[in-house]
Structures are given as structure tokens and as C-alpha cells.
PDB file of N, CA and C in Angstrom:
ATOM      1  N   MET A   1      27.764 -13.258  -0.506  1.00  0.00           N
ATOM      2  CA  MET A   1      26.471 -13.210  -1.126  1.00  0.00           C
ATOM      3  C   MET A   1      26.609 -13.104  -2.655  1.00  0.00           C
ATOM      4  N   ALA A   2      25.840 -13.849  -3.447  1.00  0.00           N
ATOM      5  CA  ALA A   2      25.860 -13.769  -4.783  1.00  0.00           C
ATOM      6  C   ALA A   2      25.073 -12.596  -5.285  1.00  0.00           C
ATOM      7  N   LEU A   3      25.394 -12.068  -6.426  1.00  0.00           N
ATOM      8  CA  LEU A   3      24.725 -10.824  -6.880  1.00  0.00           C
ATOM      9  C   LEU A   3      23.329 -11.279  -7.323  1.00  0.00           C
ATOM     10  N   ASP A   4      23.016 -12.498  -7.704  1.00  0.00           N
ATOM     11  CA  ASP A   4      21.646 -12.917  -8.078  1.00  0.00           C
ATOM     12  C   ASP A   4      20.716 -12.673  -6.877  1.00  0.00           C
ATOM     13  N   ASP A   5      21.231 -12.844  -5.618  1.00  0.00           N
ATOM     14  CA  ASP A   5      20.391 -12.599  -4.458  1.00  0.00           C
ATOM     15  C   ASP A   5      19.717 -11.261  -4.304  1.00  0.00           C
ATOM     16  N   LEU A   6      20.401 -10.252  -4.983  1.00  0.00           N
ATOM     17  CA  LEU A   6      19.841  -8.922  -4.881  1.00  0.00           C
ATOM     18  C   LEU A   6      18.535  -8.773  -5.535  1.00  0.00           C
ATOM     19  N   PHE A   7      18.212  -9.680  -6.446  1.00  0.00           N
ATOM     20  CA  PHE A   7      16.964  -9.551  -7.235  1.00  0.00           C
ATOM     21  C   PHE A   7      15.797 -10.499  -6.849  1.00  0.00           C
ATOM     22  N   ASP A   8      16.109 -11.297  -5.708  1.00  0.00           N
ATOM     23  CA  ASP A   8      15.066 -12.221  -5.403  1.00  0.00           C
ATOM     24  C   ASP A   8      13.673 -11.618  -5.098  1.00  0.00           C
ATOM     25  N   ALA A   9      13.659 -10.540  -4.568  1.00  0.00           N
ATOM     26  CA  ALA A   9      12.418  -9.941  -4.084  1.00  0.00           C
ATOM     27  C   ALA A   9      11.946  -8.800  -5.019  1.00  0.00           C
ATOM     28  N   VAL A  10      12.510  -8.656  -6.187  1.00  0.00           N
ATOM     29  CA  VAL A  10      12.084  -7.682  -7.120  1.00  0.00           C
ATOM     30  C   VAL A  10      10.693  -7.989  -7.711  1.00  0.00           C
ATOM     31  N   PRO A  11       9.702  -7.046  -7.553  1.00  0.00           N
ATOM     32  CA  PRO A  11       8.484  -7.377  -8.113  1.00  0.00           C
ATOM     33  C   PRO A  11       8.396  -7.630  -9.656  1.00  0.00           C
ATOM     34  N   SER A  12       7.508  -8.577 -10.071  1.00  0.00           N
ATOM     35  CA  SER A  12       7.482  -8.726 -11.522  1.00  0.00           C
ATOM     36  C   SER A  12       6.842  -7.517 -12.248  1.00  0.00           C
ATOM     37  N   MET A  13       6.870  -7.501 -13.535  1.00  0.00           N
ATOM     38  CA  MET A  13       6.283  -6.282 -14.170  1.00  0.00           C
ATOM     39  C   MET A  13       4.791  -6.275 -14.275  1.00  0.00           C
ATOM     40  N   ASP A  14       4.207  -7.376 -13.903  1.00  0.00           N
ATOM     41  CA  ASP A  14       2.675  -7.325 -13.883  1.00  0.00           C
ATOM     42  C   ASP A  14       2.138  -6.937 -12.592  1.00  0.00           C
ATOM     43  N   GLY A  15       2.925  -6.449 -11.613  1.00  0.00           N
ATOM     44  CA  GLY A  15       2.501  -5.881 -10.384  1.00  0.00           C
ATOM     45  C   GLY A  15       2.244  -6.891  -9.299  1.00  0.00           C
ATOM     46  N   SER A  16       2.570  -8.168  -9.548  1.00  0.00           N
ATOM     47  CA  SER A  16       2.471  -9.211  -8.419  1.00  0.00           C
ATOM     48  C   SER A  16       3.790  -9.209  -7.696  1.00  0.00           C
ATOM     49  N   ALA A  17       3.708  -9.741  -6.491  1.00  0.00           N
ATOM     50  CA  ALA A  17       4.945  -9.798  -5.707  1.00  0.00           C
ATOM     51  C   ALA A  17       5.990 -10.698  -6.201  1.00  0.00           C
ATOM     52  N   GLY A  18       7.230 -10.403  -6.207  1.00  0.00           N
ATOM     53  CA  GLY A  18       8.255 -11.296  -6.616  1.00  0.00           C
ATOM     54  C   GLY A  18       8.871 -12.043  -5.437  1.00  0.00           C
ATOM     55  N   GLY A  19       8.541 -11.520  -4.174  1.00  0.00           N
ATOM     56  CA  GLY A  19       9.047 -12.002  -2.972  1.00  0.00           C
ATOM     57  C   GLY A  19       8.148 -11.868  -1.983  1.00  0.00           C
ATOM     58  N   THR A  20       8.487 -12.126  -0.674  1.00  0.00           N
ATOM     59  CA  THR A  20       7.570 -11.997   0.486  1.00  0.00           C
ATOM     60  C   THR A  20       8.170 -10.982   1.402  1.00  0.00           C
ATOM     61  N   ILE A  21       7.293 -10.376   2.163  1.00  0.00           N
ATOM     62  CA  ILE A  21       7.745  -9.529   3.280  1.00  0.00           C
ATOM     63  C   ILE A  21       7.066  -9.949   4.527  1.00  0.00           C
ATOM     64  N   ASP A  22       7.548  -9.768   5.685  1.00  0.00           N
ATOM     65  CA  ASP A  22       6.992 -10.116   7.003  1.00  0.00           C
ATOM     66  C   ASP A  22       7.259  -9.040   7.949  1.00  0.00           C
ATOM     67  N   ASP A  23       6.245  -8.378   8.484  1.00  0.00           N
ATOM     68  CA  ASP A  23       6.518  -7.250   9.477  1.00  0.00           C
ATOM     69  C   ASP A  23       5.324  -7.435  10.414  1.00  0.00           C
ATOM     70  N   PRO A  24       5.428  -8.328  11.466  1.00  0.00           N
ATOM     71  CA  PRO A  24       4.314  -8.489  12.410  1.00  0.00           C
ATOM     72  C   PRO A  24       3.975  -7.213  13.161  1.00  0.00           C
ATOM     73  N   ALA A  25       4.939  -6.296  13.462  1.00  0.00           N
ATOM     74  CA  ALA A  25       4.459  -5.193  14.150  1.00  0.00           C
ATOM     75  C   ALA A  25       3.572  -4.233  13.245  1.00  0.00           C
ATOM     76  N   PHE A  26       3.979  -4.015  12.045  1.00  0.00           N
ATOM     77  CA  PHE A  26       3.272  -3.195  11.146  1.00  0.00           C
ATOM     78  C   PHE A  26       1.894  -3.866  10.803  1.00  0.00           C
ATOM     79  N   SER A  27       1.899  -5.187  10.485  1.00  0.00           N
ATOM     80  CA  SER A  27       0.583  -5.830  10.038  1.00  0.00           C
ATOM     81  C   SER A  27      -0.319  -5.952  11.225  1.00  0.00           C
ATOM     82  N   GLY A  28       0.211  -5.995  12.465  1.00  0.00           N
ATOM     83  CA  GLY A  28      -0.703  -6.057  13.583  1.00  0.00           C
ATOM     84  C   GLY A  28      -1.422  -4.660  13.863  1.00  0.00           C
ATOM     85  N   ARG A  29      -0.677  -3.589  13.627  1.00  0.00           N
ATOM     86  CA  ARG A  29      -1.186  -2.273  13.822  1.00  0.00           C
ATOM     87  C   ARG A  29      -2.048  -1.683  12.740  1.00  0.00           C
ATOM     88  N   PHE A  30      -1.733  -2.109  11.537  1.00  0.00           N
ATOM     89  CA  PHE A  30      -2.389  -1.575  10.270  1.00  0.00           C
ATOM     90  C   PHE A  30      -2.825  -2.816   9.450  1.00  0.00           C
ATOM     91  N   PRO A  31      -3.707  -3.604   9.826  1.00  0.00           N
ATOM     92  CA  PRO A  31      -3.969  -4.871   9.110  1.00  0.00           C
ATOM     93  C   PRO A  31      -4.600  -4.651   7.715  1.00  0.00           C
ATOM     94  N   THR A  32      -5.403  -3.602   7.625  1.00  0.00           N
ATOM     95  CA  THR A  32      -6.021  -3.419   6.249  1.00  0.00           C
ATOM     96  C   THR A  32      -5.020  -2.903   5.230  1.00  0.00           C
ATOM     97  N   VAL A  33      -4.258  -1.897   5.712  1.00  0.00           N
ATOM     98  CA  VAL A  33      -3.105  -1.405   4.865  1.00  0.00           C
ATOM     99  C   VAL A  33      -2.189  -2.510   4.512  1.00  0.00           C
ATOM    100  N   TRP A  34      -1.746  -3.420   5.366  1.00  0.00           N
ATOM    101  CA  TRP A  34      -0.920  -4.519   5.246  1.00  0.00           C
ATOM    102  C   TRP A  34      -1.480  -5.453   4.110  1.00  0.00           C
ATOM    103  N   SER A  35      -2.772  -5.808   4.244  1.00  0.00           N
ATOM    104  CA  SER A  35      -3.465  -6.707   3.309  1.00  0.00           C
ATOM    105  C   SER A  35      -3.466  -6.170   2.001  1.00  0.00           C
ATOM    106  N   LEU A  36      -3.784  -4.890   1.819  1.00  0.00           N
ATOM    107  CA  LEU A  36      -3.833  -4.312   0.434  1.00  0.00           C
ATOM    108  C   LEU A  36      -2.473  -4.301  -0.226  1.00  0.00           C
ATOM    109  N   CYS A  37      -1.477  -4.213   0.649  1.00  0.00           N
ATOM    110  CA  CYS A  37      -0.101  -4.102  -0.044  1.00  0.00           C
ATOM    111  C   CYS A  37       0.558  -5.419  -0.139  1.00  0.00           C
ATOM    112  N   THR A  38      -0.053  -6.520   0.395  1.00  0.00           N
ATOM    113  CA  THR A  38       0.757  -7.808   0.407  1.00  0.00           C
ATOM    114  C   THR A  38      -0.006  -8.996  -0.127  1.00  0.00           C
ATOM    115  N   GLN A  39      -1.308  -8.845  -0.247  1.00  0.00           N
ATOM    116  CA  GLN A  39      -2.151 -10.046  -0.632  1.00  0.00           C
ATOM    117  C   GLN A  39      -2.431 -10.015  -2.155  1.00  0.00           C
ATOM    118  N   PRO A  40      -1.717 -10.917  -2.924  1.00  0.00           N
ATOM    119  CA  PRO A  40      -1.922 -10.885  -4.367  1.00  0.00           C
ATOM    120  C   PRO A  40      -3.138 -11.436  -4.950  1.00  0.00           C
ATOM    121  N   VAL A  41      -4.050 -11.896  -4.043  1.00  0.00           N
ATOM    122  CA  VAL A  41      -5.344 -12.422  -4.596  1.00  0.00           C
ATOM    123  C   VAL A  41      -6.525 -11.760  -3.789  1.00  0.00           C
ATOM    124  N   ASP A  42      -7.611 -11.521  -4.429  1.00  0.00           N
ATOM    125  CA  ASP A  42      -8.718 -10.848  -3.763  1.00  0.00           C
ATOM    126  C   ASP A  42      -9.643 -11.940  -2.952  1.00  0.00           C
ATOM    127  N   SER A  43     -10.689 -11.492  -2.343  1.00  0.00           N
ATOM    128  CA  SER A  43     -11.456 -12.375  -1.593  1.00  0.00           C
ATOM    129  C   SER A  43     -12.078 -13.488  -2.408  1.00  0.00           C
ATOM    130  N   LYS A  44     -12.220 -13.322  -3.667  1.00  0.00           N
ATOM    131  CA  LYS A  44     -12.733 -14.387  -4.648  1.00  0.00           C
ATOM    132  C   LYS A  44     -11.703 -15.238  -5.273  1.00  0.00           C
ATOM    133  N   GLY A  45     -10.321 -15.003  -4.754  1.00  0.00           N
ATOM    134  CA  GLY A  45      -9.363 -15.814  -5.215  1.00  0.00           C
ATOM    135  C   GLY A  45      -8.703 -15.333  -6.647  1.00  0.00           C
ATOM    136  N   LYS A  46      -9.147 -14.230  -7.039  1.00  0.00           N
ATOM    137  CA  LYS A  46      -8.635 -13.711  -8.327  1.00  0.00           C
ATOM    138  C   LYS A  46      -7.322 -12.985  -8.098  1.00  0.00           C
ATOM    139  N   PRO A  47      -6.440 -12.930  -9.001  1.00  0.00           N
ATOM    140  CA  PRO A  47      -5.239 -12.145  -8.904  1.00  0.00           C
ATOM    141  C   PRO A  47      -5.409 -10.703  -8.864  1.00  0.00           C
ATOM    142  N   ARG A  48      -4.665  -9.902  -8.137  1.00  0.00           N
ATOM    143  CA  ARG A  48      -4.859  -8.483  -8.065  1.00  0.00           C
ATOM    144  C   ARG A  48      -3.485  -7.850  -7.977  1.00  0.00           C
ATOM    145  N   LEU A  49      -3.442  -6.649  -8.490  1.00  0.00           N
ATOM    146  CA  LEU A  49      -2.236  -5.817  -8.331  1.00  0.00           C
ATOM    147  C   LEU A  49      -2.079  -5.442  -6.891  1.00  0.00           C
ATOM    148  N   LEU A  50      -0.939  -5.455  -6.414  1.00  0.00           N
ATOM    149  CA  LEU A  50      -0.744  -5.016  -4.928  1.00  0.00           C
ATOM    150  C   LEU A  50      -0.802  -3.452  -4.911  1.00  0.00           C
ATOM    151  N   SER A  51      -1.384  -2.978  -3.862  1.00  0.00           N
ATOM    152  CA  SER A  51      -1.416  -1.535  -3.608  1.00  0.00           C
ATOM    153  C   SER A  51      -0.076  -1.075  -3.205  1.00  0.00           C
ATOM    154  N   THR A  52       0.260   0.186  -3.428  1.00  0.00           N
ATOM    155  CA  THR A  52       1.542   0.778  -3.069  1.00  0.00           C
ATOM    156  C   THR A  52       1.308   1.932  -2.071  1.00  0.00           C
ATOM    157  N   LEU A  53       2.412   2.169  -1.267  1.00  0.00           N
ATOM    158  CA  LEU A  53       2.482   3.332  -0.345  1.00  0.00           C
ATOM    159  C   LEU A  53       3.570   4.336  -0.774  1.00  0.00           C
ATOM    160  N   LEU A  54       3.222   5.515  -0.666  1.00  0.00           N
ATOM    161  CA  LEU A  54       4.167   6.612  -0.747  1.00  0.00           C
ATOM    162  C   LEU A  54       4.012   7.401   0.531  1.00  0.00           C
ATOM    163  N   PHE A  55       5.137   7.848   1.225  1.00  0.00           N
ATOM    164  CA  PHE A  55       4.980   8.708   2.271  1.00  0.00           C
ATOM    165  C   PHE A  55       6.087   9.729   2.286  1.00  0.00           C
ATOM    166  N   PHE A  56       5.911  10.880   2.765  1.00  0.00           N
ATOM    167  CA  PHE A  56       6.865  11.968   2.829  1.00  0.00           C
ATOM    168  C   PHE A  56       6.477  12.984   3.821  1.00  0.00           C
ATOM    169  N   ILE A  57       7.342  13.916   4.077  1.00  0.00           N
ATOM    170  CA  ILE A  57       7.068  15.035   4.995  1.00  0.00           C
ATOM    171  C   ILE A  57       6.965  16.356   4.222  1.00  0.00           C
ATOM    172  N   GLU A  58       5.865  17.051   4.417  1.00  0.00           N
ATOM    173  CA  GLU A  58       5.605  18.298   3.805  1.00  0.00           C
ATOM    174  C   GLU A  58       5.096  19.338   4.767  1.00  0.00           C
ATOM    175  N   SER A  59       5.847  20.506   4.939  1.00  0.00           N
ATOM    176  CA  SER A  59       5.452  21.481   5.779  1.00  0.00           C
ATOM    177  C   SER A  59       5.211  21.031   7.139  1.00  0.00           C
ATOM    178  N   GLY A  60       6.127  20.147   7.628  1.00  0.00           N
ATOM    179  CA  GLY A  60       6.017  19.629   9.092  1.00  0.00           C
ATOM    180  C   GLY A  60       5.058  18.531   9.240  1.00  0.00           C
ATOM    181  N   THR A  61       4.278  18.087   8.195  1.00  0.00           N
ATOM    182  CA  THR A  61       3.343  16.989   8.347  1.00  0.00           C
ATOM    183  C   THR A  61       3.694  15.697   7.596  1.00  0.00           C
ATOM    184  N   TRP A  62       3.583  14.606   8.186  1.00  0.00           N
ATOM    185  CA  TRP A  62       3.803  13.325   7.494  1.00  0.00           C
ATOM    186  C   TRP A  62       2.538  13.055   6.651  1.00  0.00           C
ATOM    187  N   LYS A  63       2.772  12.797   5.401  1.00  0.00           N
ATOM    188  CA  LYS A  63       1.731  12.433   4.436  1.00  0.00           C
ATOM    189  C   LYS A  63       1.897  11.069   3.943  1.00  0.00           C
ATOM    190  N   VAL A  64       0.798  10.329   3.707  1.00  0.00           N
ATOM    191  CA  VAL A  64       0.924   8.981   3.062  1.00  0.00           C
ATOM    192  C   VAL A  64      -0.178   8.761   2.043  1.00  0.00           C
ATOM    193  N   ARG A  65       0.151   8.195   1.065  1.00  0.00           N
ATOM    194  CA  ARG A  65      -0.733   7.899  -0.047  1.00  0.00           C
ATOM    195  C   ARG A  65      -0.806   6.434  -0.310  1.00  0.00           C
ATOM    196  N   LEU A  66      -1.981   5.764  -0.197  1.00  0.00           N
ATOM    197  CA  LEU A  66      -2.098   4.399  -0.564  1.00  0.00           C
ATOM    198  C   LEU A  66      -2.819   4.426  -2.046  1.00  0.00           C
ATOM    199  N   ALA A  67      -2.067   3.766  -2.978  1.00  0.00           N
ATOM    200  CA  ALA A  67      -2.567   3.646  -4.218  1.00  0.00           C
ATOM    201  C   ALA A  67      -3.140   2.199  -4.466  1.00  0.00           C
ATOM    202  N   GLU A  68      -4.506   2.211  -4.662  1.00  0.00           N
ATOM    203  CA  GLU A  68      -5.106   0.971  -4.987  1.00  0.00           C
ATOM    204  C   GLU A  68      -5.193   0.831  -6.440  1.00  0.00           C
ATOM    205  N   ARG A  69      -4.329   0.020  -6.916  1.00  0.00           N
ATOM    206  CA  ARG A  69      -3.990   0.017  -8.386  1.00  0.00           C
ATOM    207  C   ARG A  69      -5.165  -0.795  -9.234  1.00  0.00           C
ATOM    208  N   ASN A  70      -5.852  -1.649  -8.682  1.00  0.00           N
ATOM    209  CA  ASN A  70      -6.921  -2.388  -9.347  1.00  0.00           C
ATOM    210  C   ASN A  70      -7.998  -1.504  -9.775  1.00  0.00           C
ATOM    211  N   HIS A  71      -8.331  -0.543  -8.892  1.00  0.00           N
ATOM    212  CA  HIS A  71      -9.472   0.303  -9.267  1.00  0.00           C
ATOM    213  C   HIS A  71      -9.055   1.804  -9.541  1.00  0.00           C
ATOM    214  N   ARG A  72      -7.720   1.993  -9.683  1.00  0.00           N
ATOM    215  CA  ARG A  72      -7.198   3.300  -9.882  1.00  0.00           C
ATOM    216  C   ARG A  72      -7.629   4.401  -8.867  1.00  0.00           C
ATOM    217  N   LEU A  73      -7.505   4.097  -7.604  1.00  0.00           N
ATOM    218  CA  LEU A  73      -7.957   4.927  -6.574  1.00  0.00           C
ATOM    219  C   LEU A  73      -6.796   5.200  -5.577  1.00  0.00           C
ATOM    220  N   ASP A  74      -6.837   6.493  -4.998  1.00  0.00           N
ATOM    221  CA  ASP A  74      -5.863   6.797  -4.049  1.00  0.00           C
ATOM    222  C   ASP A  74      -6.613   7.142  -2.771  1.00  0.00           C
ATOM    223  N   LEU A  75      -5.979   6.935  -1.600  1.00  0.00           N
ATOM    224  CA  LEU A  75      -6.475   7.303  -0.348  1.00  0.00           C
ATOM    225  C   LEU A  75      -5.273   8.070   0.341  1.00  0.00           C
ATOM    226  N   TRP A  76      -5.537   9.372   0.836  1.00  0.00           N
ATOM    227  CA  TRP A  76      -4.501  10.073   1.482  1.00  0.00           C
ATOM    228  C   TRP A  76      -4.757  10.217   3.045  1.00  0.00           C
ATOM    229  N   ALA A  77      -3.770  10.409   3.764  1.00  0.00           N
ATOM    230  CA  ALA A  77      -3.793  10.595   5.159  1.00  0.00           C
ATOM    231  C   ALA A  77      -2.567  11.373   5.597  1.00  0.00           C
ATOM    232  N   GLY A  78      -2.664  12.054   6.717  1.00  0.00           N
ATOM    233  CA  GLY A  78      -1.609  12.756   7.250  1.00  0.00           C
ATOM    234  C   GLY A  78      -1.632  12.849   8.815  1.00  0.00           C
ATOM    235  N   GLY A  79      -0.534  13.270   9.431  1.00  0.00           N
ATOM    236  CA  GLY A  79      -0.425  13.444  10.812  1.00  0.00           C
ATOM    237  C   GLY A  79       0.941  14.087  11.210  1.00  0.00           C
ATOM    238  N   ASP A  80       0.911  14.396  12.490  1.00  0.00           N
ATOM    239  CA  ASP A  80       2.175  15.087  13.065  1.00  0.00           C
ATOM    240  C   ASP A  80       3.264  14.149  13.149  1.00  0.00           C
ATOM    241  N   THR A  81       3.033  12.815  13.299  1.00  0.00           N
ATOM    242  CA  THR A  81       4.007  11.719  13.367  1.00  0.00           C
ATOM    243  C   THR A  81       3.762  10.748  12.194  1.00  0.00           C
ATOM    244  N   PHE A  82       4.806   9.921  11.970  1.00  0.00           N
ATOM    245  CA  PHE A  82       4.686   8.790  11.072  1.00  0.00           C
ATOM    246  C   PHE A  82       3.477   7.951  11.430  1.00  0.00           C
ATOM    247  N   ASP A  83       3.447   7.508  12.783  1.00  0.00           N
ATOM    248  CA  ASP A  83       2.421   6.527  13.330  1.00  0.00           C
ATOM    249  C   ASP A  83       1.041   7.262  13.214  1.00  0.00           C
ATOM    250  N   ALA A  84       1.017   8.580  13.412  1.00  0.00           N
ATOM    251  CA  ALA A  84      -0.344   9.227  13.285  1.00  0.00           C
ATOM    252  C   ALA A  84      -0.910   9.173  11.826  1.00  0.00           C
ATOM    253  N   ALA A  85      -0.042   9.320  10.917  1.00  0.00           N
ATOM    254  CA  ALA A  85      -0.441   9.273   9.523  1.00  0.00           C
ATOM    255  C   ALA A  85      -0.910   8.025   9.150  1.00  0.00           C
ATOM    256  N   PHE A  86      -0.288   6.870   9.550  1.00  0.00           N
ATOM    257  CA  PHE A  86      -0.687   5.590   9.297  1.00  0.00           C
ATOM    258  C   PHE A  86      -1.990   5.244  10.019  1.00  0.00           C
ATOM    259  N   GLU A  87      -2.065   5.699  11.365  1.00  0.00           N
ATOM    260  CA  GLU A  87      -3.253   5.372  12.132  1.00  0.00           C
ATOM    261  C   GLU A  87      -4.531   6.054  11.382  1.00  0.00           C
ATOM    262  N   GLN A  88      -4.321   7.244  10.811  1.00  0.00           N
ATOM    263  CA  GLN A  88      -5.456   7.876  10.095  1.00  0.00           C
ATOM    264  C   GLN A  88      -5.718   7.118   8.824  1.00  0.00           C
ATOM    265  N   LEU A  89      -4.727   6.613   8.098  1.00  0.00           N
ATOM    266  CA  LEU A  89      -5.024   5.842   6.905  1.00  0.00           C
ATOM    267  C   LEU A  89      -5.805   4.534   7.208  1.00  0.00           C
ATOM    268  N   GLU A  90      -5.365   3.899   8.209  1.00  0.00           N
ATOM    269  CA  GLU A  90      -6.029   2.670   8.657  1.00  0.00           C
ATOM    270  C   GLU A  90      -7.463   3.015   9.047  1.00  0.00           C
ATOM    271  N   ALA A  91      -7.724   4.017   9.829  1.00  0.00           N
ATOM    272  CA  ALA A  91      -8.968   4.411  10.236  1.00  0.00           C
ATOM    273  C   ALA A  91      -9.969   4.838   9.072  1.00  0.00           C
ATOM    274  N   SER A  92      -9.345   5.416   8.046  1.00  0.00           N
ATOM    275  CA  SER A  92     -10.008   5.866   6.814  1.00  0.00           C
ATOM    276  C   SER A  92     -10.589   4.608   6.106  1.00  0.00           C
ATOM    277  N   LEU A  93      -9.743   3.570   6.065  1.00  0.00           N
ATOM    278  CA  LEU A  93     -10.085   2.255   5.411  1.00  0.00           C
ATOM    279  C   LEU A  93     -11.250   1.579   6.108  1.00  0.00           C
ATOM    280  N   MET A  94     -11.550   1.974   7.398  1.00  0.00           N
ATOM    281  CA  MET A  94     -12.646   1.388   8.070  1.00  0.00           C
ATOM    282  C   MET A  94     -13.971   2.142   7.949  1.00  0.00           C
ATOM    283  N   LYS A  95     -13.889   3.432   7.310  1.00  0.00           N
ATOM    284  CA  LYS A  95     -15.094   4.115   7.124  1.00  0.00           C
ATOM    285  C   LYS A  95     -15.856   3.666   5.939  1.00  0.00           C
ATOM    286  N   ARG A  96     -17.127   3.846   5.997  1.00  0.00           N
ATOM    287  CA  ARG A  96     -18.038   3.492   4.846  1.00  0.00           C
ATOM    288  C   ARG A  96     -18.820   4.674   4.464  1.00  0.00           C
ATOM    289  N   PRO A  97     -18.691   5.162   3.273  1.00  0.00           N
ATOM    290  CA  PRO A  97     -17.832   4.752   2.218  1.00  0.00           C
ATOM    291  C   PRO A  97     -16.394   5.225   2.563  1.00  0.00           C
ATOM    292  N   VAL A  98     -15.439   4.406   2.000  1.00  0.00           N
ATOM    293  CA  VAL A  98     -13.967   4.733   2.170  1.00  0.00           C
ATOM    294  C   VAL A  98     -13.901   6.073   1.290  1.00  0.00           C
ATOM    295  N   PRO A  99     -13.146   7.029   1.838  1.00  0.00           N
ATOM    296  CA  PRO A  99     -13.030   8.322   1.110  1.00  0.00           C
ATOM    297  C   PRO A  99     -11.970   8.250   0.035  1.00  0.00           C
ATOM    298  N   TRP A 100     -12.096   7.340  -0.922  1.00  0.00           N
ATOM    299  CA  TRP A 100     -11.205   7.271  -2.019  1.00  0.00           C
ATOM    300  C   TRP A 100     -11.245   8.422  -2.917  1.00  0.00           C
ATOM    301  N   ARG A 101     -10.037   8.783  -3.573  1.00  0.00           N
ATOM    302  CA  ARG A 101     -10.082   9.754  -4.636  1.00  0.00           C
ATOM    303  C   ARG A 101      -9.622   9.043  -5.957  1.00  0.00           C
ATOM    304  N   LYS A 102     -10.146   9.493  -7.011  1.00  0.00           N
ATOM    305  CA  LYS A 102      -9.587   8.955  -8.331  1.00  0.00           C
ATOM    306  C   LYS A 102      -8.085   9.154  -8.407  1.00  0.00           C
ATOM    307  N   ALA A 103      -7.392   8.193  -8.880  1.00  0.00           N
ATOM    308  CA  ALA A 103      -5.900   8.277  -8.952  1.00  0.00           C
ATOM    309  C   ALA A 103      -5.544   9.379  -9.971  1.00  0.00           C
ATOM    310  N   THR A 104      -4.591  10.190  -9.552  1.00  0.00           N
ATOM    311  CA  THR A 104      -4.132  11.357 -10.513  1.00  0.00           C
ATOM    312  C   THR A 104      -2.694  10.959 -11.076  1.00  0.00           C
ATOM    313  N   VAL A 105      -2.100   9.841 -10.697  1.00  0.00           N
ATOM    314  CA  VAL A 105      -0.819   9.486 -11.240  1.00  0.00           C
ATOM    315  C   VAL A 105      -0.924   8.058 -11.789  1.00  0.00           C
ATOM    316  N   PRO A 106      -0.175   7.670 -12.762  1.00  0.00           N
ATOM    317  CA  PRO A 106      -0.213   6.298 -13.264  1.00  0.00           C
ATOM    318  C   PRO A 106      -0.088   5.332 -12.128  1.00  0.00           C
ATOM    319  N   THR A 107      -0.889   4.221 -12.256  1.00  0.00           N
ATOM    320  CA  THR A 107      -0.996   3.214 -11.195  1.00  0.00           C
ATOM    321  C   THR A 107      -0.173   1.833 -11.602  1.00  0.00           C
ATOM    322  N   GLY A 108       0.237   1.784 -12.809  1.00  0.00           N
ATOM    323  CA  GLY A 108       0.870   0.711 -13.312  1.00  0.00           C
ATOM    324  C   GLY A 108       0.043  -0.350 -13.990  1.00  0.00           C
ATOM    325  N   LYS A 109      -1.276  -0.116 -13.901  1.00  0.00           N
ATOM    326  CA  LYS A 109      -2.275  -1.056 -14.471  1.00  0.00           C
ATOM    327  C   LYS A 109      -2.447  -0.645 -15.881  1.00  0.00           C
ATOM    328  N   LYS A 110      -2.359  -1.784 -16.685  1.00  0.00           N
ATOM    329  CA  LYS A 110      -2.632  -1.523 -18.206  1.00  0.00           C
ATOM    330  C   LYS A 110      -4.060  -1.526 -18.582  1.00  0.00           C
TER     331      LYS A 110
END
């Protein structure tokens, strides 16, 4: 393997994808989360920054943060298992209004 291959999927500095990712199991279970994190254009065909995910365990609970970088919003979810946390995140995206919070950390948007 050439060393150049290590950087084929590195995101560009403008927040767009530098490569592709394919995970049919995840995208099938969490289609809205998947779309926000992998679709570089919005429904009108305009470029958008990809959303990012952060997940961790705190006090015995899985927690996940979806950072929607175009609007500088965060959506948090948690659960007793990794799957439960992501199930809650996907369910929250189906609610109207979506329970977004104003982002409290830099989102990478200039």
C-alpha cells in the first residue's frame, strides 16, 4: 500500500467529503442521521457542510451528539446501549419541531 492511499478519504477543509463511506446496516436503521452525515448537497441541490457525530459513555450511559454545522445546531440523545442512543437520536429527528439546541462548540463553519 502506498502512503498516499492513507489520505484518500480525508475530508477537505471546507467541510465537504473527501471520500465516500458505505454502511448499509447503519444507513438502513438510522436513515436521517446517515443522510445528514453523508449527503453533501441539500434538497435544493446546494452544497452543505456534513453533520458530525460524537459519542461517548458517561456515568454508564451512551451519549451521542449530532452537530448540524450549516445551522450551528446540536441534537443530543442517550441510552443504556449504543443502539438505544442512536435509536433515540433518529426518533428525535422525526419529531416536529426537532429538539435542536444552539451549538455550544465550534462547528467548523466560517
